[in-house]
């Protein structure tokens, strides 16, 4: 009886493998394809003297008919050549078939870059409106049958806060005493 069960399982597996192979040859089933990810832009959400909130936007093109969960990303953001923010294993989901956006939100504290509020104020009052950035990011995709990484390096400019300096008007006493 035990031998009959093992034989039935083996025959079933051979038939299933043959059927899958036939479907692959007909093009109904195909091996997963590698999605592409490209940098699109950085969206500035909020700029204050304390911090700037931004989102790095990436376009992903998934040629597969299935979505991909648990895409991980490691990143490091450099401002003025100094490492300012890092992240490890940030999770994303890639929707099935076609193009979509992946968004990486970050909060930047400029005091960490300029070492003091006075140095930041001096730069802004000196006419600086932006600060150069570089973002190194690696997306990691593991599909059991296909495992790969997509490294990207992006450079650009981020806005600095605006400081308005308006001199205060001197107080004038309008009363004239004689």
C-alpha atoms as a PDB file:
ATOM      1  CA  UNK A   1       0.000   0.000   0.000  1.00  0.00           C
ATOM      2  CA  UNK A   2       2.834   2.344   0.891  1.00  0.00           C
ATOM      3  CA  UNK A   3       4.566   1.599  -2.411  1.00  0.00           C
ATOM      4  CA  UNK A   4       1.373   2.368  -4.329  1.00  0.00           C
ATOM      5  CA  UNK A   5       1.097   5.777  -2.616  1.00  0.00           C
ATOM      6  CA  UNK A   6       4.726   6.664  -3.431  1.00  0.00           C
ATOM      7  CA  UNK A   7       4.218   5.573  -7.056  1.00  0.00           C
ATOM      8  CA  UNK A   8       1.053   7.681  -7.326  1.00  0.00           C
ATOM      9  CA  UNK A   9       2.871  10.739  -5.958  1.00  0.00           C
ATOM     10  CA  UNK A  10       5.793  10.267  -8.376  1.00  0.00           C
ATOM     11  CA  UNK A  11       3.418   9.887 -11.349  1.00  0.00           C
ATOM     12  CA  UNK A  12       1.537  13.008 -10.254  1.00  0.00           C
ATOM     13  CA  UNK A  13       4.754  15.037  -9.951  1.00  0.00           C
ATOM     14  CA  UNK A  14       5.957  13.901 -13.388  1.00  0.00           C
ATOM     15  CA  UNK A  15       2.616  14.857 -14.942  1.00  0.00           C
ATOM     16  CA  UNK A  16       2.599  18.235 -13.181  1.00  0.00           C
ATOM     17  CA  UNK A  17       6.167  18.961 -14.271  1.00  0.00           C
ATOM     18  CA  UNK A  18       5.347  17.972 -17.844  1.00  0.00           C
ATOM     19  CA  UNK A  19       2.275  20.186 -17.841  1.00  0.00           C
ATOM     20  CA  UNK A  20       4.233  23.159 -16.490  1.00  0.00           C
ATOM     21  CA  UNK A  21       6.956  22.596 -19.063  1.00  0.00           C
ATOM     22  CA  UNK A  22       4.352  22.509 -21.836  1.00  0.00           C
ATOM     23  CA  UNK A  23       2.833  25.772 -20.558  1.00  0.00           C
ATOM     24  CA  UNK A  24       6.268  27.399 -20.457  1.00  0.00           C
ATOM     25  CA  UNK A  25       6.903  26.341 -24.047  1.00  0.00           C
ATOM     26  CA  UNK A  26       3.523  27.743 -25.120  1.00  0.00           C
ATOM     27  CA  UNK A  27       4.340  31.026 -23.380  1.00  0.00           C
ATOM     28  CA  UNK A  28       1.480  30.844 -20.881  1.00  0.00           C
ATOM     29  CA  UNK A  29       3.873  30.674 -17.941  1.00  0.00           C
ATOM     30  CA  UNK A  30       7.146  32.504 -18.017  1.00  0.00           C
ATOM     31  CA  UNK A  31      10.046  33.058 -15.699  1.00  0.00           C
ATOM     32  CA  UNK A  32       9.854  36.280 -13.661  1.00  0.00           C
ATOM     33  CA  UNK A  33      11.436  39.282 -15.338  1.00  0.00           C
ATOM     34  CA  UNK A  34      13.584  41.891 -13.634  1.00  0.00           C
ATOM     35  CA  UNK A  35      11.761  45.200 -13.016  1.00  0.00           C
ATOM     36  CA  UNK A  36      13.588  48.443 -13.800  1.00  0.00           C
ATOM     37  CA  UNK A  37      13.793  51.341 -11.367  1.00  0.00           C
ATOM     38  CA  UNK A  38      14.836  54.864 -12.343  1.00  0.00           C
ATOM     39  CA  UNK A  39      15.058  58.135 -10.446  1.00  0.00           C
ATOM     40  CA  UNK A  40      12.368  60.635 -11.443  1.00  0.00           C
ATOM     41  CA  UNK A  41      12.463  63.627  -9.087  1.00  0.00           C
ATOM     42  CA  UNK A  42      12.539  64.949  -5.566  1.00  0.00           C
ATOM     43  CA  UNK A  43       9.340  66.501  -4.210  1.00  0.00           C
ATOM     44  CA  UNK A  44       9.817  69.155  -1.532  1.00  0.00           C
ATOM     45  CA  UNK A  45       6.957  68.890   0.949  1.00  0.00           C
ATOM     46  CA  UNK A  46       7.873  71.487   3.578  1.00  0.00           C
ATOM     47  CA  UNK A  47      10.809  73.816   4.258  1.00  0.00           C
ATOM     48  CA  UNK A  48      11.282  75.453   7.647  1.00  0.00           C
ATOM     49  CA  UNK A  49      14.327  76.825   9.419  1.00  0.00           C
ATOM     50  CA  UNK A  50      14.465  73.625  11.512  1.00  0.00           C
ATOM     51  CA  UNK A  51      13.948  70.973   8.841  1.00  0.00           C
ATOM     52  CA  UNK A  52      12.975  70.135   5.286  1.00  0.00           C
ATOM     53  CA  UNK A  53      10.601  67.303   4.403  1.00  0.00           C
ATOM     54  CA  UNK A  54      11.173  65.727   0.983  1.00  0.00           C
ATOM     55  CA  UNK A  55      10.273  62.618  -1.001  1.00  0.00           C
ATOM     56  CA  UNK A  56      12.576  61.018  -3.529  1.00  0.00           C
ATOM     57  CA  UNK A  57      10.386  59.622  -6.305  1.00  0.00           C
ATOM     58  CA  UNK A  58      11.425  56.608  -8.377  1.00  0.00           C
ATOM     59  CA  UNK A  59       9.611  55.093 -11.356  1.00  0.00           C
ATOM     60  CA  UNK A  60       9.418  51.310 -11.372  1.00  0.00           C
ATOM     61  CA  UNK A  61       8.447  49.377 -14.476  1.00  0.00           C
ATOM     62  CA  UNK A  62       7.302  45.868 -13.561  1.00  0.00           C
ATOM     63  CA  UNK A  63       6.947  43.651 -16.662  1.00  0.00           C
ATOM     64  CA  UNK A  64       5.450  40.834 -14.570  1.00  0.00           C
ATOM     65  CA  UNK A  65       1.753  40.092 -14.105  1.00  0.00           C
ATOM     66  CA  UNK A  66       2.273  39.804 -10.353  1.00  0.00           C
ATOM     67  CA  UNK A  67       3.221  42.323  -7.693  1.00  0.00           C
ATOM     68  CA  UNK A  68       6.397  42.073  -5.651  1.00  0.00           C
ATOM     69  CA  UNK A  69       6.180  42.455  -1.870  1.00  0.00           C
ATOM     70  CA  UNK A  70       9.018  43.120   0.546  1.00  0.00           C
ATOM     71  CA  UNK A  71      11.333  44.960  -1.830  1.00  0.00           C
ATOM     72  CA  UNK A  72      14.052  46.304   0.460  1.00  0.00           C
ATOM     73  CA  UNK A  73      16.177  49.416   0.009  1.00  0.00           C
ATOM     74  CA  UNK A  74      19.345  50.634   1.697  1.00  0.00           C
ATOM     75  CA  UNK A  75      20.228  54.305   1.222  1.00  0.00           C
ATOM     76  CA  UNK A  76      22.649  57.024   2.267  1.00  0.00           C
ATOM     77  CA  UNK A  77      22.050  60.737   1.677  1.00  0.00           C
ATOM     78  CA  UNK A  78      24.974  63.139   1.437  1.00  0.00           C
ATOM     79  CA  UNK A  79      24.630  66.932   1.776  1.00  0.00           C
ATOM     80  CA  UNK A  80      27.682  69.049   1.002  1.00  0.00           C
ATOM     81  CA  UNK A  81      29.595  65.746   0.777  1.00  0.00           C
ATOM     82  CA  UNK A  82      28.709  64.758   4.360  1.00  0.00           C
ATOM     83  CA  UNK A  83      26.603  61.719   5.225  1.00  0.00           C
ATOM     84  CA  UNK A  84      23.348  63.149   6.576  1.00  0.00           C
ATOM     85  CA  UNK A  85      20.785  60.325   6.584  1.00  0.00           C
ATOM     86  CA  UNK A  86      20.921  56.551   6.213  1.00  0.00           C
ATOM     87  CA  UNK A  87      18.355  53.801   6.041  1.00  0.00           C
ATOM     88  CA  UNK A  88      18.512  50.024   5.909  1.00  0.00           C
ATOM     89  CA  UNK A  89      15.886  47.547   4.699  1.00  0.00           C
ATOM     90  CA  UNK A  90      13.201  50.161   4.004  1.00  0.00           C
ATOM     91  CA  UNK A  91      10.230  48.164   2.628  1.00  0.00           C
ATOM     92  CA  UNK A  92       8.422  48.828  -0.640  1.00  0.00           C
ATOM     93  CA  UNK A  93       5.793  46.971  -2.683  1.00  0.00           C
ATOM     94  CA  UNK A  94       5.891  46.948  -6.478  1.00  0.00           C
ATOM     95  CA  UNK A  95       2.443  46.653  -8.096  1.00  0.00           C
ATOM     96  CA  UNK A  96       1.905  44.219 -11.007  1.00  0.00           C
ATOM     97  CA  UNK A  97       2.358  45.067 -14.696  1.00  0.00           C
ATOM     98  CA  UNK A  98       3.373  48.528 -15.792  1.00  0.00           C
ATOM     99  CA  UNK A  99       4.807  51.707 -14.359  1.00  0.00           C
ATOM    100  CA  UNK A 100       4.252  53.082 -10.885  1.00  0.00           C
ATOM    101  CA  UNK A 101       5.982  55.318  -8.357  1.00  0.00           C
ATOM    102  CA  UNK A 102       8.046  54.366  -5.328  1.00  0.00           C
ATOM    103  CA  UNK A 103       8.416  57.183  -2.781  1.00  0.00           C
ATOM    104  CA  UNK A 104      11.188  57.494  -0.189  1.00  0.00           C
ATOM    105  CA  UNK A 105      10.240  60.170   2.395  1.00  0.00           C
ATOM    106  CA  UNK A 106      13.072  61.867   4.286  1.00  0.00           C
ATOM    107  CA  UNK A 107      13.346  64.625   6.864  1.00  0.00           C
ATOM    108  CA  UNK A 108      16.503  66.729   6.761  1.00  0.00           C
ATOM    109  CA  UNK A 109      17.777  68.736   9.711  1.00  0.00           C
ATOM    110  CA  UNK A 110      20.123  71.388   8.277  1.00  0.00           C
ATOM    111  CA  UNK A 111      21.705  72.022  11.687  1.00  0.00           C
ATOM    112  CA  UNK A 112      23.417  68.636  11.260  1.00  0.00           C
ATOM    113  CA  UNK A 113      24.880  69.819   7.965  1.00  0.00           C
ATOM    114  CA  UNK A 114      25.885  73.359   8.912  1.00  0.00           C
ATOM    115  CA  UNK A 115      26.907  72.497  12.506  1.00  0.00           C
ATOM    116  CA  UNK A 116      25.043  75.556  13.858  1.00  0.00           C
ATOM    117  CA  UNK A 117      22.082  77.783  13.158  1.00  0.00           C
ATOM    118  CA  UNK A 118      24.494  80.703  12.818  1.00  0.00           C
ATOM    119  CA  UNK A 119      26.407  78.954  10.008  1.00  0.00           C
ATOM    120  CA  UNK A 120      23.121  78.133   8.218  1.00  0.00           C
ATOM    121  CA  UNK A 121      21.905  81.743   8.608  1.00  0.00           C
ATOM    122  CA  UNK A 122      25.217  83.070   7.296  1.00  0.00           C
ATOM    123  CA  UNK A 123      24.970  80.805   4.212  1.00  0.00           C
ATOM    124  CA  UNK A 124      21.371  81.826   3.498  1.00  0.00           C
ATOM    125  CA  UNK A 125      22.025  85.535   4.063  1.00  0.00           C
ATOM    126  CA  UNK A 126      25.075  85.177   1.806  1.00  0.00           C
ATOM    127  CA  UNK A 127      22.723  84.233  -1.036  1.00  0.00           C
ATOM    128  CA  UNK A 128      22.746  80.406  -0.902  1.00  0.00           C
ATOM    129  CA  UNK A 129      19.351  79.097  -2.010  1.00  0.00           C
ATOM    130  CA  UNK A 130      20.170  75.397  -2.439  1.00  0.00           C
ATOM    131  CA  UNK A 131      22.504  72.733  -1.149  1.00  0.00           C
ATOM    132  CA  UNK A 132      23.972  69.916  -3.270  1.00  0.00           C
ATOM    133  CA  UNK A 133      22.874  66.372  -2.463  1.00  0.00           C
ATOM    134  CA  UNK A 134      23.851  62.879  -3.494  1.00  0.00           C
ATOM    135  CA  UNK A 135      21.657  59.862  -2.766  1.00  0.00           C
ATOM    136  CA  UNK A 136      23.059  56.346  -3.037  1.00  0.00           C
ATOM    137  CA  UNK A 137      20.296  53.740  -2.898  1.00  0.00           C
ATOM    138  CA  UNK A 138      20.152  50.007  -3.596  1.00  0.00           C
ATOM    139  CA  UNK A 139      16.833  48.225  -4.133  1.00  0.00           C
ATOM    140  CA  UNK A 140      16.958  44.499  -3.253  1.00  0.00           C
ATOM    141  CA  UNK A 141      14.438  42.111  -4.805  1.00  0.00           C
ATOM    142  CA  UNK A 142      14.192  38.442  -3.838  1.00  0.00           C
ATOM    143  CA  UNK A 143      11.723  36.350  -5.899  1.00  0.00           C
ATOM    144  CA  UNK A 144      12.895  32.910  -4.772  1.00  0.00           C
ATOM    145  CA  UNK A 145      13.749  31.997  -8.386  1.00  0.00           C
ATOM    146  CA  UNK A 146      15.290  35.380  -9.170  1.00  0.00           C
ATOM    147  CA  UNK A 147      17.312  37.497  -6.747  1.00  0.00           C
ATOM    148  CA  UNK A 148      18.958  40.782  -7.719  1.00  0.00           C
ATOM    149  CA  UNK A 149      19.881  44.314  -6.682  1.00  0.00           C
ATOM    150  CA  UNK A 150      19.311  47.623  -8.466  1.00  0.00           C
ATOM    151  CA  UNK A 151      21.835  50.259  -7.340  1.00  0.00           C
ATOM    152  CA  UNK A 152      21.232  53.937  -8.155  1.00  0.00           C
ATOM    153  CA  UNK A 153      23.176  57.111  -7.460  1.00  0.00           C
ATOM    154  CA  UNK A 154      21.354  60.433  -7.777  1.00  0.00           C
ATOM    155  CA  UNK A 155      22.696  63.987  -7.541  1.00  0.00           C
ATOM    156  CA  UNK A 156      20.922  67.333  -7.460  1.00  0.00           C
ATOM    157  CA  UNK A 157      20.048  70.378  -5.374  1.00  0.00           C
ATOM    158  CA  UNK A 158      17.736  70.769  -2.379  1.00  0.00           C
ATOM    159  CA  UNK A 159      16.270  74.111  -1.259  1.00  0.00           C
ATOM    160  CA  UNK A 160      17.546  75.892   1.813  1.00  0.00           C
ATOM    161  CA  UNK A 161      15.112  77.703   4.096  1.00  0.00           C
ATOM    162  CA  UNK A 162      14.462  81.339   3.319  1.00  0.00           C
ATOM    163  CA  UNK A 163      15.189  83.893   5.984  1.00  0.00           C
ATOM    164  CA  UNK A 164      13.604  87.272   5.573  1.00  0.00           C
ATOM    165  CA  UNK A 165      15.326  90.171   7.204  1.00  0.00           C
ATOM    166  CA  UNK A 166      13.206  93.260   7.565  1.00  0.00           C
ATOM    167  CA  UNK A 167      14.607  96.079   9.623  1.00  0.00           C
ATOM    168  CA  UNK A 168      12.288  97.239  12.332  1.00  0.00           C
ATOM    169  CA  UNK A 169      11.129 100.798  11.995  1.00  0.00           C
ATOM    170  CA  UNK A 170      12.329 103.143  14.708  1.00  0.00           C
ATOM    171  CA  UNK A 171       9.672 104.262  17.148  1.00  0.00           C
ATOM    172  CA  UNK A 172       8.780 107.883  16.761  1.00  0.00           C
ATOM    173  CA  UNK A 173       6.959 109.703  19.479  1.00  0.00           C
ATOM    174  CA  UNK A 174       4.405 111.822  17.678  1.00  0.00           C
ATOM    175  CA  UNK A 175       3.712 114.036  20.632  1.00  0.00           C
ATOM    176  CA  UNK A 176       5.416 117.319  20.459  1.00  0.00           C
ATOM    177  CA  UNK A 177       5.833 119.129  23.730  1.00  0.00           C
ATOM    178  CA  UNK A 178       6.328 122.877  23.914  1.00  0.00           C
END
